[in-house]
Amino acid sequence: MTALGYTFIAWSVITAGFIAVMVYKGYLSMHETDQLFLNDHASHNAEEEHDEVVSRDKKLEPVWKAFAGACAVSTLALAGVYVISNI
């Protein structure tokens, strides 16, 4: 297999991981609500659920940023290997 093939496989795996993380982030964001909790007793359960979703989203932020950077670098690498192999 050529360098272009290996680079394409690496790019595909990284891009699939990035897409999976973004789908999960979208799923989490779908359950996030924009509410103002004024009464402590009435909506305590909803407030806990909201805080849990927000904390998961904040934990996921470095992961999706890493995948986004890796996807960009691998895209540039794939383009570079393609150009070099066709010269």
PDB file of N, CA and C in Angstrom:
ATOM      1  N   MET A   1       0.844  -1.171   0.000  1.00  0.00           N
ATOM      2  CA  MET A   1       0.000   0.000   0.000  1.00  0.00           C
ATOM      3  C   MET A   1       0.895   1.241   0.000  1.00  0.00           C
ATOM      4  N   THR A   2       0.443   2.268  -0.635  1.00  0.00           N
ATOM      5  CA  THR A   2       1.232   3.488  -0.771  1.00  0.00           C
ATOM      6  C   THR A   2       1.022   4.416   0.426  1.00  0.00           C
ATOM      7  N   ALA A   3       1.820   5.467   0.477  1.00  0.00           N
ATOM      8  CA  ALA A   3       1.690   6.459   1.544  1.00  0.00           C
ATOM      9  C   ALA A   3       0.341   7.155   1.473  1.00  0.00           C
ATOM     10  N   LEU A   4      -0.172   7.336   0.262  1.00  0.00           N
ATOM     11  CA  LEU A   4      -1.478   7.965   0.103  1.00  0.00           C
ATOM     12  C   LEU A   4      -2.567   7.091   0.730  1.00  0.00           C
ATOM     13  N   GLY A   5      -2.459   5.797   0.569  1.00  0.00           N
ATOM     14  CA  GLY A   5      -3.440   4.879   1.149  1.00  0.00           C
ATOM     15  C   GLY A   5      -3.419   4.917   2.669  1.00  0.00           C
ATOM     16  N   TYR A   6      -2.222   4.882   3.251  1.00  0.00           N
ATOM     17  CA  TYR A   6      -2.100   4.954   4.706  1.00  0.00           C
ATOM     18  C   TYR A   6      -2.601   6.294   5.247  1.00  0.00           C
ATOM     19  N   THR A   7      -2.295   7.356   4.558  1.00  0.00           N
ATOM     20  CA  THR A   7      -2.749   8.677   4.990  1.00  0.00           C
ATOM     21  C   THR A   7      -4.264   8.781   4.897  1.00  0.00           C
ATOM     22  N   PHE A   8      -4.833   8.204   3.854  1.00  0.00           N
ATOM     23  CA  PHE A   8      -6.285   8.226   3.706  1.00  0.00           C
ATOM     24  C   PHE A   8      -6.967   7.427   4.810  1.00  0.00           C
ATOM     25  N   ILE A   9      -6.405   6.283   5.178  1.00  0.00           N
ATOM     26  CA  ILE A   9      -6.974   5.472   6.261  1.00  0.00           C
ATOM     27  C   ILE A   9      -6.908   6.232   7.582  1.00  0.00           C
ATOM     28  N   ALA A  10      -5.762   6.857   7.873  1.00  0.00           N
ATOM     29  CA  ALA A  10      -5.629   7.631   9.108  1.00  0.00           C
ATOM     30  C   ALA A  10      -6.618   8.796   9.118  1.00  0.00           C
ATOM     31  N   TRP A  11      -6.741   9.486   8.001  1.00  0.00           N
ATOM     32  CA  TRP A  11      -7.688  10.598   7.900  1.00  0.00           C
ATOM     33  C   TRP A  11      -9.119  10.108   8.119  1.00  0.00           C
ATOM     34  N   SER A  12      -9.466   8.966   7.551  1.00  0.00           N
ATOM     35  CA  SER A  12     -10.821   8.428   7.700  1.00  0.00           C
ATOM     36  C   SER A  12     -11.143   8.099   9.149  1.00  0.00           C
ATOM     37  N   VAL A  13     -10.194   7.491   9.861  1.00  0.00           N
ATOM     38  CA  VAL A  13     -10.416   7.130  11.263  1.00  0.00           C
ATOM     39  C   VAL A  13     -10.568   8.383  12.125  1.00  0.00           C
ATOM     40  N   ILE A  14      -9.703   9.360  11.915  1.00  0.00           N
ATOM     41  CA  ILE A  14      -9.768  10.596  12.699  1.00  0.00           C
ATOM     42  C   ILE A  14     -11.055  11.349  12.406  1.00  0.00           C
ATOM     43  N   THR A  15     -11.445  11.422  11.156  1.00  0.00           N
ATOM     44  CA  THR A  15     -12.663  12.130  10.787  1.00  0.00           C
ATOM     45  C   THR A  15     -13.899  11.418  11.327  1.00  0.00           C
ATOM     46  N   ALA A  16     -13.909  10.084  11.301  1.00  0.00           N
ATOM     47  CA  ALA A  16     -15.034   9.332  11.867  1.00  0.00           C
ATOM     48  C   ALA A  16     -15.133   9.575  13.375  1.00  0.00           C
ATOM     49  N   GLY A  17     -14.004   9.620  14.063  1.00  0.00           N
ATOM     50  CA  GLY A  17     -14.012   9.917  15.490  1.00  0.00           C
ATOM     51  C   GLY A  17     -14.534  11.316  15.770  1.00  0.00           C
ATOM     52  N   PHE A  18     -14.112  12.281  14.957  1.00  0.00           N
ATOM     53  CA  PHE A  18     -14.580  13.662  15.105  1.00  0.00           C
ATOM     54  C   PHE A  18     -16.089  13.751  14.898  1.00  0.00           C
ATOM     55  N   ILE A  19     -16.584  13.070  13.890  1.00  0.00           N
ATOM     56  CA  ILE A  19     -18.024  13.089  13.628  1.00  0.00           C
ATOM     57  C   ILE A  19     -18.785  12.445  14.780  1.00  0.00           C
ATOM     58  N   ALA A  20     -18.261  11.341  15.326  1.00  0.00           N
ATOM     59  CA  ALA A  20     -18.921  10.668  16.446  1.00  0.00           C
ATOM     60  C   ALA A  20     -18.972  11.578  17.674  1.00  0.00           C
ATOM     61  N   VAL A  21     -17.882  12.269  17.956  1.00  0.00           N
ATOM     62  CA  VAL A  21     -17.859  13.183  19.105  1.00  0.00           C
ATOM     63  C   VAL A  21     -18.837  14.329  18.890  1.00  0.00           C
ATOM     64  N   MET A  22     -18.921  14.855  17.685  1.00  0.00           N
ATOM     65  CA  MET A  22     -19.833  15.959  17.418  1.00  0.00           C
ATOM     66  C   MET A  22     -21.302  15.508  17.485  1.00  0.00           C
ATOM     67  N   VAL A  23     -21.585  14.283  17.072  1.00  0.00           N
ATOM     68  CA  VAL A  23     -22.949  13.767  17.194  1.00  0.00           C
ATOM     69  C   VAL A  23     -23.320  13.629  18.668  1.00  0.00           C
ATOM     70  N   TYR A  24     -22.393  13.119  19.475  1.00  0.00           N
ATOM     71  CA  TYR A  24     -22.645  12.995  20.913  1.00  0.00           C
ATOM     72  C   TYR A  24     -22.825  14.370  21.553  1.00  0.00           C
ATOM     73  N   LYS A  25     -22.032  15.340  21.139  1.00  0.00           N
ATOM     74  CA  LYS A  25     -22.154  16.709  21.655  1.00  0.00           C
ATOM     75  C   LYS A  25     -23.519  17.283  21.274  1.00  0.00           C
ATOM     76  N   GLY A  26     -23.966  17.024  20.077  1.00  0.00           N
ATOM     77  CA  GLY A  26     -25.292  17.475  19.657  1.00  0.00           C
ATOM     78  C   GLY A  26     -26.400  16.807  20.448  1.00  0.00           C
ATOM     79  N   TYR A  27     -26.204  15.529  20.765  1.00  0.00           N
ATOM     80  CA  TYR A  27     -27.177  14.807  21.583  1.00  0.00           C
ATOM     81  C   TYR A  27     -27.261  15.415  22.976  1.00  0.00           C
ATOM     82  N   LEU A  28     -26.094  15.755  23.555  1.00  0.00           N
ATOM     83  CA  LEU A  28     -26.090  16.393  24.865  1.00  0.00           C
ATOM     84  C   LEU A  28     -26.734  17.769  24.808  1.00  0.00           C
ATOM     85  N   SER A  29     -26.444  18.522  23.789  1.00  0.00           N
ATOM     86  CA  SER A  29     -26.990  19.876  23.656  1.00  0.00           C
ATOM     87  C   SER A  29     -28.499  19.853  23.453  1.00  0.00           C
ATOM     88  N   MET A  30     -29.007  18.771  22.896  1.00  0.00           N
ATOM     89  CA  MET A  30     -30.438  18.656  22.676  1.00  0.00           C
ATOM     90  C   MET A  30     -31.168  18.571  24.023  1.00  0.00           C
ATOM     91  N   HIS A  31     -30.520  17.987  25.040  1.00  0.00           N
ATOM     92  CA  HIS A  31     -31.147  17.847  26.352  1.00  0.00           C
ATOM     93  C   HIS A  31     -30.868  19.035  27.268  1.00  0.00           C
ATOM     94  N   GLU A  32     -30.060  19.974  26.795  1.00  0.00           N
ATOM     95  CA  GLU A  32     -29.771  21.163  27.594  1.00  0.00           C
ATOM     96  C   GLU A  32     -30.904  22.164  27.406  1.00  0.00           C
ATOM     97  N   THR A  33     -31.307  22.757  28.501  1.00  0.00           N
ATOM     98  CA  THR A  33     -32.391  23.721  28.437  1.00  0.00           C
ATOM     99  C   THR A  33     -31.892  25.079  28.910  1.00  0.00           C
ATOM    100  N   ASP A  34     -32.474  26.117  28.367  1.00  0.00           N
ATOM    101  CA  ASP A  34     -32.172  27.476  28.797  1.00  0.00           C
ATOM    102  C   ASP A  34     -33.277  27.912  29.758  1.00  0.00           C
ATOM    103  N   GLN A  35     -33.005  27.705  31.037  1.00  0.00           N
ATOM    104  CA  GLN A  35     -33.989  28.042  32.047  1.00  0.00           C
ATOM    105  C   GLN A  35     -33.332  28.846  33.149  1.00  0.00           C
ATOM    106  N   LEU A  36     -34.139  29.599  33.812  1.00  0.00           N
ATOM    107  CA  LEU A  36     -33.708  30.332  34.994  1.00  0.00           C
ATOM    108  C   LEU A  36     -34.452  29.723  36.172  1.00  0.00           C
ATOM    109  N   PHE A  37     -33.721  29.129  37.087  1.00  0.00           N
ATOM    110  CA  PHE A  37     -34.331  28.437  38.212  1.00  0.00           C
ATOM    111  C   PHE A  37     -34.455  29.409  39.387  1.00  0.00           C
ATOM    112  N   LEU A  38     -35.663  29.882  39.623  1.00  0.00           N
ATOM    113  CA  LEU A  38     -35.913  30.861  40.678  1.00  0.00           C
ATOM    114  C   LEU A  38     -36.327  30.208  41.990  1.00  0.00           C
ATOM    115  N   ASN A  39     -37.082  29.140  41.921  1.00  0.00           N
ATOM    116  CA  ASN A  39     -37.571  28.463  43.108  1.00  0.00           C
ATOM    117  C   ASN A  39     -36.711  27.232  43.359  1.00  0.00           C
ATOM    118  N   ASP A  40     -36.094  27.146  44.518  1.00  0.00           N
ATOM    119  CA  ASP A  40     -35.199  26.028  44.812  1.00  0.00           C
ATOM    120  C   ASP A  40     -35.935  24.711  44.971  1.00  0.00           C
ATOM    121  N   HIS A  41     -37.157  24.734  45.421  1.00  0.00           N
ATOM    122  CA  HIS A  41     -37.853  23.487  45.737  1.00  0.00           C
ATOM    123  C   HIS A  41     -38.610  22.903  44.546  1.00  0.00           C
ATOM    124  N   ALA A  42     -39.131  23.735  43.704  1.00  0.00           N
ATOM    125  CA  ALA A  42     -40.005  23.254  42.634  1.00  0.00           C
ATOM    126  C   ALA A  42     -39.236  22.537  41.524  1.00  0.00           C
ATOM    127  N   SER A  43     -38.091  23.041  41.149  1.00  0.00           N
ATOM    128  CA  SER A  43     -37.405  22.481  39.984  1.00  0.00           C
ATOM    129  C   SER A  43     -36.006  21.977  40.336  1.00  0.00           C
ATOM    130  N   HIS A  44     -35.853  21.412  41.510  1.00  0.00           N
ATOM    131  CA  HIS A  44     -34.536  20.942  41.949  1.00  0.00           C
ATOM    132  C   HIS A  44     -34.033  19.813  41.052  1.00  0.00           C
ATOM    133  N   ASN A  45     -34.902  18.908  40.663  1.00  0.00           N
ATOM    134  CA  ASN A  45     -34.504  17.785  39.804  1.00  0.00           C
ATOM    135  C   ASN A  45     -34.103  18.279  38.422  1.00  0.00           C
ATOM    136  N   ALA A  46     -34.852  19.212  37.872  1.00  0.00           N
ATOM    137  CA  ALA A  46     -34.530  19.754  36.543  1.00  0.00           C
ATOM    138  C   ALA A  46     -33.207  20.504  36.579  1.00  0.00           C
ATOM    139  N   GLU A  47     -32.948  21.196  37.675  1.00  0.00           N
ATOM    140  CA  GLU A  47     -31.690  21.939  37.801  1.00  0.00           C
ATOM    141  C   GLU A  47     -30.499  20.983  37.881  1.00  0.00           C
ATOM    142  N   GLU A  48     -30.660  19.872  38.599  1.00  0.00           N
ATOM    143  CA  GLU A  48     -29.584  18.869  38.681  1.00  0.00           C
ATOM    144  C   GLU A  48     -29.306  18.250  37.320  1.00  0.00           C
ATOM    145  N   GLU A  49     -30.367  17.932  36.577  1.00  0.00           N
ATOM    146  CA  GLU A  49     -30.191  17.363  35.237  1.00  0.00           C
ATOM    147  C   GLU A  49     -29.476  18.357  34.328  1.00  0.00           C
ATOM    148  N   HIS A  50     -29.849  19.610  34.404  1.00  0.00           N
ATOM    149  CA  HIS A  50     -29.221  20.643  33.583  1.00  0.00           C
ATOM    150  C   HIS A  50     -27.738  20.784  33.940  1.00  0.00           C
ATOM    151  N   ASP A  51     -27.429  20.793  35.233  1.00  0.00           N
ATOM    152  CA  ASP A  51     -26.031  20.908  35.662  1.00  0.00           C
ATOM    153  C   ASP A  51     -25.204  19.706  35.205  1.00  0.00           C
ATOM    154  N   GLU A  52     -25.809  18.527  35.205  1.00  0.00           N
ATOM    155  CA  GLU A  52     -25.103  17.328  34.739  1.00  0.00           C
ATOM    156  C   GLU A  52     -24.798  17.417  33.246  1.00  0.00           C
ATOM    157  N   VAL A  53     -25.754  17.888  32.467  1.00  0.00           N
ATOM    158  CA  VAL A  53     -25.542  18.032  31.023  1.00  0.00           C
ATOM    159  C   VAL A  53     -24.448  19.059  30.751  1.00  0.00           C
ATOM    160  N   VAL A  54     -24.464  20.152  31.480  1.00  0.00           N
ATOM    161  CA  VAL A  54     -23.463  21.196  31.281  1.00  0.00           C
ATOM    162  C   VAL A  54     -22.075  20.679  31.662  1.00  0.00           C
ATOM    163  N   SER A  55     -21.979  19.920  32.754  1.00  0.00           N
ATOM    164  CA  SER A  55     -20.666  19.392  33.152  1.00  0.00           C
ATOM    165  C   SER A  55     -20.143  18.377  32.140  1.00  0.00           C
ATOM    166  N   ARG A  56     -21.014  17.548  31.583  1.00  0.00           N
ATOM    167  CA  ARG A  56     -20.577  16.607  30.536  1.00  0.00           C
ATOM    168  C   ARG A  56     -20.095  17.352  29.300  1.00  0.00           C
ATOM    169  N   ASP A  57     -20.811  18.405  28.964  1.00  0.00           N
ATOM    170  CA  ASP A  57     -20.427  19.193  27.791  1.00  0.00           C
ATOM    171  C   ASP A  57     -19.063  19.857  28.006  1.00  0.00           C
ATOM    172  N   LYS A  58     -18.818  20.348  29.208  1.00  0.00           N
ATOM    173  CA  LYS A  58     -17.530  20.983  29.491  1.00  0.00           C
ATOM    174  C   LYS A  58     -16.395  19.962  29.507  1.00  0.00           C
ATOM    175  N   LYS A  59     -16.665  18.733  29.953  1.00  0.00           N
ATOM    176  CA  LYS A  59     -15.651  17.681  29.932  1.00  0.00           C
ATOM    177  C   LYS A  59     -15.349  17.245  28.508  1.00  0.00           C
ATOM    178  N   LEU A  60     -16.329  17.353  27.634  1.00  0.00           N
ATOM    179  CA  LEU A  60     -16.173  16.920  26.246  1.00  0.00           C
ATOM    180  C   LEU A  60     -15.449  17.959  25.396  1.00  0.00           C
ATOM    181  N   GLU A  61     -15.368  19.199  25.858  1.00  0.00           N
ATOM    182  CA  GLU A  61     -14.776  20.270  25.062  1.00  0.00           C
ATOM    183  C   GLU A  61     -13.334  20.006  24.637  1.00  0.00           C
ATOM    184  N   PRO A  62     -12.427  19.579  25.530  1.00  0.00           N
ATOM    185  CA  PRO A  62     -11.054  19.327  25.065  1.00  0.00           C
ATOM    186  C   PRO A  62     -10.968  18.169  24.071  1.00  0.00           C
ATOM    187  N   VAL A  63     -11.882  17.212  24.204  1.00  0.00           N
ATOM    188  CA  VAL A  63     -11.876  16.061  23.294  1.00  0.00           C
ATOM    189  C   VAL A  63     -12.241  16.503  21.885  1.00  0.00           C
ATOM    190  N   TRP A  64     -13.325  17.276  21.755  1.00  0.00           N
ATOM    191  CA  TRP A  64     -13.712  17.660  20.391  1.00  0.00           C
ATOM    192  C   TRP A  64     -12.735  18.656  19.790  1.00  0.00           C
ATOM    193  N   LYS A  65     -12.101  19.483  20.641  1.00  0.00           N
ATOM    194  CA  LYS A  65     -11.093  20.388  20.106  1.00  0.00           C
ATOM    195  C   LYS A  65      -9.875  19.622  19.606  1.00  0.00           C
ATOM    196  N   ALA A  66      -9.490  18.574  20.328  1.00  0.00           N
ATOM    197  CA  ALA A  66      -8.361  17.747  19.897  1.00  0.00           C
ATOM    198  C   ALA A  66      -8.685  17.034  18.588  1.00  0.00           C
ATOM    199  N   PHE A  67      -9.894  16.477  18.498  1.00  0.00           N
ATOM    200  CA  PHE A  67     -10.293  15.820  17.256  1.00  0.00           C
ATOM    201  C   PHE A  67     -10.378  16.814  16.103  1.00  0.00           C
ATOM    202  N   ALA A  68     -10.848  18.018  16.366  1.00  0.00           N
ATOM    203  CA  ALA A  68     -10.933  19.030  15.304  1.00  0.00           C
ATOM    204  C   ALA A  68      -9.547  19.396  14.798  1.00  0.00           C
ATOM    205  N   GLY A  69      -8.609  19.578  15.714  1.00  0.00           N
ATOM    206  CA  GLY A  69      -7.234  19.876  15.309  1.00  0.00           C
ATOM    207  C   GLY A  69      -6.596  18.733  14.547  1.00  0.00           C
ATOM    208  N   ALA A  70      -6.799  17.511  15.043  1.00  0.00           N
ATOM    209  CA  ALA A  70      -6.243  16.341  14.365  1.00  0.00           C
ATOM    210  C   ALA A  70      -6.866  16.155  12.988  1.00  0.00           C
ATOM    211  N   CYS A  71      -8.144  16.451  12.869  1.00  0.00           N
ATOM    212  CA  CYS A  71      -8.819  16.333  11.573  1.00  0.00           C
ATOM    213  C   CYS A  71      -8.270  17.364  10.586  1.00  0.00           C
ATOM    214  N   ALA A  72      -8.035  18.573  11.059  1.00  0.00           N
ATOM    215  CA  ALA A  72      -7.478  19.603  10.182  1.00  0.00           C
ATOM    216  C   ALA A  72      -6.065  19.244   9.743  1.00  0.00           C
ATOM    217  N   VAL A  73      -5.241  18.791  10.680  1.00  0.00           N
ATOM    218  CA  VAL A  73      -3.864  18.414  10.341  1.00  0.00           C
ATOM    219  C   VAL A  73      -3.844  17.225   9.389  1.00  0.00           C
ATOM    220  N   SER A  74      -4.700  16.236   9.654  1.00  0.00           N
ATOM    221  CA  SER A  74      -4.708  15.067   8.765  1.00  0.00           C
ATOM    222  C   SER A  74      -5.241  15.416   7.382  1.00  0.00           C
ATOM    223  N   THR A  75      -6.156  16.370   7.288  1.00  0.00           N
ATOM    224  CA  THR A  75      -6.639  16.810   5.980  1.00  0.00           C
ATOM    225  C   THR A  75      -5.517  17.481   5.192  1.00  0.00           C
ATOM    226  N   LEU A  76      -4.763  18.321   5.874  1.00  0.00           N
ATOM    227  CA  LEU A  76      -3.619  18.956   5.203  1.00  0.00           C
ATOM    228  C   LEU A  76      -2.563  17.930   4.814  1.00  0.00           C
ATOM    229  N   ALA A  77      -2.333  16.951   5.673  1.00  0.00           N
ATOM    230  CA  ALA A  77      -1.364  15.894   5.353  1.00  0.00           C
ATOM    231  C   ALA A  77      -1.830  15.081   4.154  1.00  0.00           C
ATOM    232  N   LEU A  78      -3.108  14.763   4.109  1.00  0.00           N
ATOM    233  CA  LEU A  78      -3.651  14.010   2.984  1.00  0.00           C
ATOM    234  C   LEU A  78      -3.503  14.796   1.681  1.00  0.00           C
ATOM    235  N   ALA A  79      -3.811  16.078   1.729  1.00  0.00           N
ATOM    236  CA  ALA A  79      -3.653  16.903   0.538  1.00  0.00           C
ATOM    237  C   ALA A  79      -2.195  16.999   0.118  1.00  0.00           C
ATOM    238  N   GLY A  80      -1.294  17.125   1.095  1.00  0.00           N
ATOM    239  CA  GLY A  80       0.134  17.192   0.789  1.00  0.00           C
ATOM    240  C   GLY A  80       0.659  15.914   0.173  1.00  0.00           C
ATOM    241  N   VAL A  81       0.259  14.785   0.734  1.00  0.00           N
ATOM    242  CA  VAL A  81       0.715  13.489   0.181  1.00  0.00           C
ATOM    243  C   VAL A  81       0.130  13.289  -1.205  1.00  0.00           C
ATOM    244  N   TYR A  82      -1.105  13.710  -1.427  1.00  0.00           N
ATOM    245  CA  TYR A  82      -1.705  13.589  -2.752  1.00  0.00           C
ATOM    246  C   TYR A  82      -0.949  14.418  -3.784  1.00  0.00           C
ATOM    247  N   VAL A  83      -0.617  15.653  -3.413  1.00  0.00           N
ATOM    248  CA  VAL A  83       0.100  16.523  -4.343  1.00  0.00           C
ATOM    249  C   VAL A  83       1.488  15.970  -4.634  1.00  0.00           C
ATOM    250  N   ILE A  84       2.180  15.513  -3.590  1.00  0.00           N
ATOM    251  CA  ILE A  84       3.532  14.991  -3.775  1.00  0.00           C
ATOM    252  C   ILE A  84       3.526  13.706  -4.608  1.00  0.00           C
ATOM    253  N   SER A  85       2.522  12.847  -4.404  1.00  0.00           N
ATOM    254  CA  SER A  85       2.485  11.590  -5.133  1.00  0.00           C
ATOM    255  C   SER A  85       2.116  11.770  -6.594  1.00  0.00           C
ATOM    256  N   ASN A  86       1.489  12.900  -6.939  1.00  0.00           N
ATOM    257  CA  ASN A  86       1.101  13.129  -8.322  1.00  0.00           C
ATOM    258  C   ASN A  86       2.048  14.060  -9.080  1.00  0.00           C
ATOM    259  N   ILE A  87       3.149  14.400  -8.476  1.00  0.00           N
ATOM    260  CA  ILE A  87       4.123  15.243  -9.184  1.00  0.00           C
ATOM    261  C   ILE A  87       4.953  14.396 -10.094  1.00  0.00           C
TER     262      ILE A  87
END
